[in-house]
Amino acid sequence: MILGDSLTQEALSAGSKTNTTISPDGAIRLAVTLPDGAVQHFECPPDATCANWRATELEAPGSGFNFNEPVTEQWGHALTLIALNSLT
């Protein structure tokens, strides 16, 4: 499994809260809060497909990591559904 998919799987299976925002250029940004208070971010460019999601920053209490890892279409589909549901 690629790193982006591993980060997505962990966030979706352990996450407790999501927040979705749309940037001025139309990109979707999804934040998933993990049990330890860390927040894993995912981004999808405007007018993209489920295959264009990327795992980006991990904000953790006292530290963090910057990722730019692709997420496969299968996991991207799940991210899209969650992002769209949290917008409504």
N, C-alpha and C. Protein backbone atom coordinates (compact mmCIF):
# COMPACT_ATOMS: atom_id res chain seq x y z
N MET A 1 0.86 -1.17 0.00
CA MET A 1 0.00 0.00 0.00
C MET A 1 0.91 1.24 0.00
N ILE A 2 0.55 2.23 -0.80
CA ILE A 2 1.34 3.44 -0.85
C ILE A 2 1.08 4.30 0.38
N LEU A 3 2.01 5.21 0.69
CA LEU A 3 1.91 6.01 1.90
C LEU A 3 0.62 6.83 1.94
N GLY A 4 0.23 7.44 0.84
CA GLY A 4 -1.00 8.23 0.81
C GLY A 4 -2.22 7.41 1.19
N ASP A 5 -2.28 6.18 0.70
CA ASP A 5 -3.39 5.29 1.06
C ASP A 5 -3.33 4.88 2.52
N SER A 6 -2.14 4.65 3.04
CA SER A 6 -1.99 4.29 4.45
C SER A 6 -2.45 5.43 5.35
N LEU A 7 -2.06 6.66 5.01
CA LEU A 7 -2.50 7.81 5.78
C LEU A 7 -4.02 7.98 5.72
N THR A 8 -4.58 7.73 4.54
CA THR A 8 -6.03 7.84 4.37
C THR A 8 -6.75 6.78 5.17
N GLN A 9 -6.28 5.55 5.07
CA GLN A 9 -6.92 4.46 5.81
C GLN A 9 -6.90 4.74 7.30
N GLU A 10 -5.78 5.17 7.83
CA GLU A 10 -5.68 5.47 9.26
C GLU A 10 -6.63 6.60 9.65
N ALA A 11 -6.66 7.66 8.85
CA ALA A 11 -7.52 8.80 9.16
C ALA A 11 -8.99 8.42 9.13
N LEU A 12 -9.38 7.64 8.11
CA LEU A 12 -10.80 7.30 7.97
C LEU A 12 -11.25 6.25 8.98
N SER A 13 -10.35 5.37 9.39
CA SER A 13 -10.76 4.35 10.35
C SER A 13 -10.70 4.86 11.79
N ALA A 14 -9.80 5.79 12.09
CA ALA A 14 -9.64 6.26 13.47
C ALA A 14 -10.20 7.65 13.70
N GLY A 15 -10.42 8.40 12.63
CA GLY A 15 -10.85 9.79 12.77
C GLY A 15 -12.19 9.95 13.45
N SER A 16 -12.34 11.07 14.15
CA SER A 16 -13.57 11.30 14.88
C SER A 16 -14.37 12.49 14.38
N LYS A 17 -13.74 13.34 13.60
CA LYS A 17 -14.41 14.56 13.13
C LYS A 17 -13.77 14.97 11.82
N THR A 18 -14.59 15.55 10.92
CA THR A 18 -14.06 16.05 9.66
C THR A 18 -14.49 17.50 9.45
N ASN A 19 -13.71 18.19 8.67
CA ASN A 19 -14.03 19.56 8.29
C ASN A 19 -13.58 19.75 6.84
N THR A 20 -14.46 20.26 6.02
CA THR A 20 -14.14 20.49 4.62
C THR A 20 -14.23 21.97 4.31
N THR A 21 -13.24 22.45 3.59
CA THR A 21 -13.26 23.83 3.11
C THR A 21 -12.95 23.83 1.63
N ILE A 22 -13.40 24.88 0.97
CA ILE A 22 -13.12 25.09 -0.44
C ILE A 22 -12.27 26.35 -0.55
N SER A 23 -11.11 26.24 -1.19
CA SER A 23 -10.23 27.40 -1.34
C SER A 23 -10.80 28.34 -2.40
N PRO A 24 -10.31 29.57 -2.46
CA PRO A 24 -10.80 30.51 -3.47
C PRO A 24 -10.66 30.00 -4.91
N ASP A 25 -9.66 29.15 -5.16
CA ASP A 25 -9.50 28.61 -6.52
C ASP A 25 -10.35 27.37 -6.77
N GLY A 26 -11.10 26.91 -5.75
CA GLY A 26 -11.99 25.78 -5.92
C GLY A 26 -11.45 24.45 -5.43
N ALA A 27 -10.23 24.43 -4.91
CA ALA A 27 -9.66 23.18 -4.39
C ALA A 27 -10.41 22.76 -3.13
N ILE A 28 -10.56 21.47 -2.95
CA ILE A 28 -11.20 20.92 -1.76
C ILE A 28 -10.12 20.56 -0.75
N ARG A 29 -10.34 20.95 0.49
CA ARG A 29 -9.41 20.62 1.56
C ARG A 29 -10.21 19.94 2.67
N LEU A 30 -9.84 18.71 2.97
CA LEU A 30 -10.51 17.91 3.99
C LEU A 30 -9.57 17.71 5.16
N ALA A 31 -10.04 18.00 6.37
CA ALA A 31 -9.26 17.78 7.59
C ALA A 31 -9.96 16.72 8.43
N VAL A 32 -9.20 15.72 8.87
CA VAL A 32 -9.74 14.64 9.70
C VAL A 32 -9.01 14.67 11.04
N THR A 33 -9.78 14.83 12.12
CA THR A 33 -9.21 14.85 13.46
C THR A 33 -9.04 13.43 13.97
N LEU A 34 -7.84 13.11 14.42
CA LEU A 34 -7.51 11.78 14.93
C LEU A 34 -7.68 11.74 16.45
N PRO A 35 -7.76 10.55 17.04
CA PRO A 35 -8.02 10.43 18.48
C PRO A 35 -7.01 11.16 19.37
N ASP A 36 -5.76 11.28 18.93
CA ASP A 36 -4.75 11.96 19.75
C ASP A 36 -4.74 13.47 19.57
N GLY A 37 -5.70 14.00 18.81
CA GLY A 37 -5.80 15.43 18.58
C GLY A 37 -5.08 15.91 17.33
N ALA A 38 -4.34 15.03 16.70
CA ALA A 38 -3.68 15.39 15.44
C ALA A 38 -4.73 15.56 14.35
N VAL A 39 -4.40 16.33 13.33
CA VAL A 39 -5.31 16.55 12.21
C VAL A 39 -4.58 16.22 10.92
N GLN A 40 -5.11 15.24 10.18
CA GLN A 40 -4.55 14.87 8.88
C GLN A 40 -5.33 15.61 7.80
N HIS A 41 -4.60 16.28 6.91
CA HIS A 41 -5.21 17.05 5.84
C HIS A 41 -5.06 16.32 4.51
N PHE A 42 -6.09 16.49 3.67
CA PHE A 42 -6.10 15.96 2.31
C PHE A 42 -6.54 17.08 1.38
N GLU A 43 -6.02 17.09 0.16
CA GLU A 43 -6.39 18.13 -0.79
C GLU A 43 -6.68 17.52 -2.16
N CYS A 44 -7.63 18.15 -2.85
CA CYS A 44 -7.98 17.75 -4.21
C CYS A 44 -8.13 19.03 -5.04
N PRO A 45 -7.46 19.11 -6.18
CA PRO A 45 -7.55 20.32 -7.00
C PRO A 45 -8.96 20.53 -7.56
N PRO A 46 -9.26 21.75 -7.98
CA PRO A 46 -10.58 22.02 -8.57
C PRO A 46 -10.76 21.19 -9.84
N ASP A 47 -11.99 20.79 -10.10
CA ASP A 47 -12.35 20.03 -11.31
C ASP A 47 -11.54 18.75 -11.48
N ALA A 48 -11.14 18.14 -10.36
CA ALA A 48 -10.37 16.91 -10.42
C ALA A 48 -11.28 15.70 -10.20
N THR A 49 -10.71 14.52 -10.33
CA THR A 49 -11.45 13.28 -10.10
C THR A 49 -11.02 12.69 -8.76
N CYS A 50 -11.62 11.58 -8.41
CA CYS A 50 -11.27 10.89 -7.17
C CYS A 50 -9.81 10.43 -7.15
N ALA A 51 -9.19 10.35 -8.31
CA ALA A 51 -7.80 9.90 -8.40
C ALA A 51 -6.80 11.02 -8.17
N ASN A 52 -7.26 12.22 -7.88
CA ASN A 52 -6.36 13.36 -7.74
C ASN A 52 -6.17 13.85 -6.31
N TRP A 53 -6.65 13.12 -5.33
CA TRP A 53 -6.46 13.51 -3.93
C TRP A 53 -5.01 13.30 -3.54
N ARG A 54 -4.55 14.12 -2.59
CA ARG A 54 -3.22 14.00 -2.03
C ARG A 54 -3.31 14.12 -0.51
N ALA A 55 -2.53 13.32 0.20
CA ALA A 55 -2.39 13.47 1.64
C ALA A 55 -1.35 14.57 1.85
N THR A 56 -1.72 15.58 2.64
CA THR A 56 -0.82 16.72 2.82
C THR A 56 -0.36 16.79 4.28
N GLU A 57 -0.57 17.91 4.96
CA GLU A 57 -0.01 18.07 6.30
C GLU A 57 -0.65 17.17 7.34
N LEU A 58 0.15 16.83 8.33
CA LEU A 58 -0.33 16.20 9.54
C LEU A 58 0.03 17.17 10.66
N GLU A 59 -0.99 17.80 11.23
CA GLU A 59 -0.79 18.71 12.36
C GLU A 59 -0.94 17.90 13.63
N ALA A 60 0.12 17.85 14.42
CA ALA A 60 0.07 17.11 15.68
C ALA A 60 0.46 18.05 16.81
N PRO A 61 -0.10 17.82 18.00
CA PRO A 61 0.27 18.67 19.14
C PRO A 61 1.79 18.66 19.33
N GLY A 62 2.40 19.81 19.22
CA GLY A 62 3.83 19.94 19.43
C GLY A 62 4.71 19.59 18.24
N SER A 63 4.13 19.15 17.14
CA SER A 63 4.93 18.81 15.96
C SER A 63 4.04 18.71 14.75
N GLY A 64 4.60 18.25 13.68
CA GLY A 64 3.82 18.06 12.46
C GLY A 64 4.69 17.54 11.34
N PHE A 65 4.06 17.14 10.26
CA PHE A 65 4.76 16.64 9.10
C PHE A 65 4.08 17.20 7.86
N ASN A 66 4.85 17.42 6.82
CA ASN A 66 4.29 17.83 5.54
C ASN A 66 4.45 16.69 4.56
N PHE A 67 3.35 16.22 4.06
CA PHE A 67 3.34 15.17 3.05
C PHE A 67 2.84 15.77 1.73
N ASN A 68 3.15 15.13 0.66
CA ASN A 68 2.57 15.43 -0.63
C ASN A 68 2.45 14.10 -1.35
N GLU A 69 1.64 13.22 -0.75
CA GLU A 69 1.54 11.84 -1.21
C GLU A 69 0.24 11.59 -1.97
N PRO A 70 0.32 10.94 -3.12
CA PRO A 70 -0.91 10.63 -3.86
C PRO A 70 -1.75 9.60 -3.13
N VAL A 71 -3.05 9.69 -3.37
CA VAL A 71 -4.02 8.74 -2.84
C VAL A 71 -4.68 8.07 -4.04
N THR A 72 -4.78 6.75 -4.03
CA THR A 72 -5.37 6.05 -5.16
C THR A 72 -6.86 6.39 -5.31
N GLU A 73 -7.39 6.11 -6.46
CA GLU A 73 -8.79 6.44 -6.76
C GLU A 73 -9.76 5.79 -5.78
N GLN A 74 -9.48 4.57 -5.37
CA GLN A 74 -10.37 3.88 -4.41
C GLN A 74 -10.49 4.68 -3.12
N TRP A 75 -9.39 5.08 -2.54
CA TRP A 75 -9.42 5.87 -1.30
C TRP A 75 -9.88 7.29 -1.59
N GLY A 76 -9.54 7.80 -2.76
CA GLY A 76 -9.99 9.14 -3.15
C GLY A 76 -11.50 9.22 -3.24
N HIS A 77 -12.13 8.14 -3.67
CA HIS A 77 -13.59 8.11 -3.73
C HIS A 77 -14.18 8.28 -2.33
N ALA A 78 -13.60 7.59 -1.36
CA ALA A 78 -14.07 7.72 0.03
C ALA A 78 -13.86 9.15 0.53
N LEU A 79 -12.72 9.74 0.23
CA LEU A 79 -12.45 11.13 0.63
C LEU A 79 -13.46 12.08 0.00
N THR A 80 -13.78 11.87 -1.27
CA THR A 80 -14.75 12.72 -1.97
C THR A 80 -16.11 12.64 -1.30
N LEU A 81 -16.57 11.43 -0.99
CA LEU A 81 -17.87 11.26 -0.35
C LEU A 81 -17.91 11.95 1.01
N ILE A 82 -16.86 11.79 1.79
CA ILE A 82 -16.83 12.42 3.11
C ILE A 82 -16.78 13.94 2.97
N ALA A 83 -15.97 14.43 2.06
CA ALA A 83 -15.85 15.88 1.86
C ALA A 83 -17.19 16.47 1.43
N LEU A 84 -17.86 15.84 0.50
CA LEU A 84 -19.14 16.36 0.03
C LEU A 84 -20.21 16.30 1.12
N ASN A 85 -20.20 15.23 1.92
CA ASN A 85 -21.18 15.12 3.00
C ASN A 85 -20.92 16.13 4.11
N SER A 86 -19.68 16.48 4.36
CA SER A 86 -19.42 17.43 5.44
C SER A 86 -19.64 18.88 5.00
N LEU A 87 -19.82 19.10 3.69
CA LEU A 87 -20.15 20.44 3.20
C LEU A 87 -21.63 20.74 3.37
N THR A 88 -22.46 19.72 3.42
CA THR A 88 -23.91 19.94 3.49
C THR A 88 -24.41 20.03 4.90
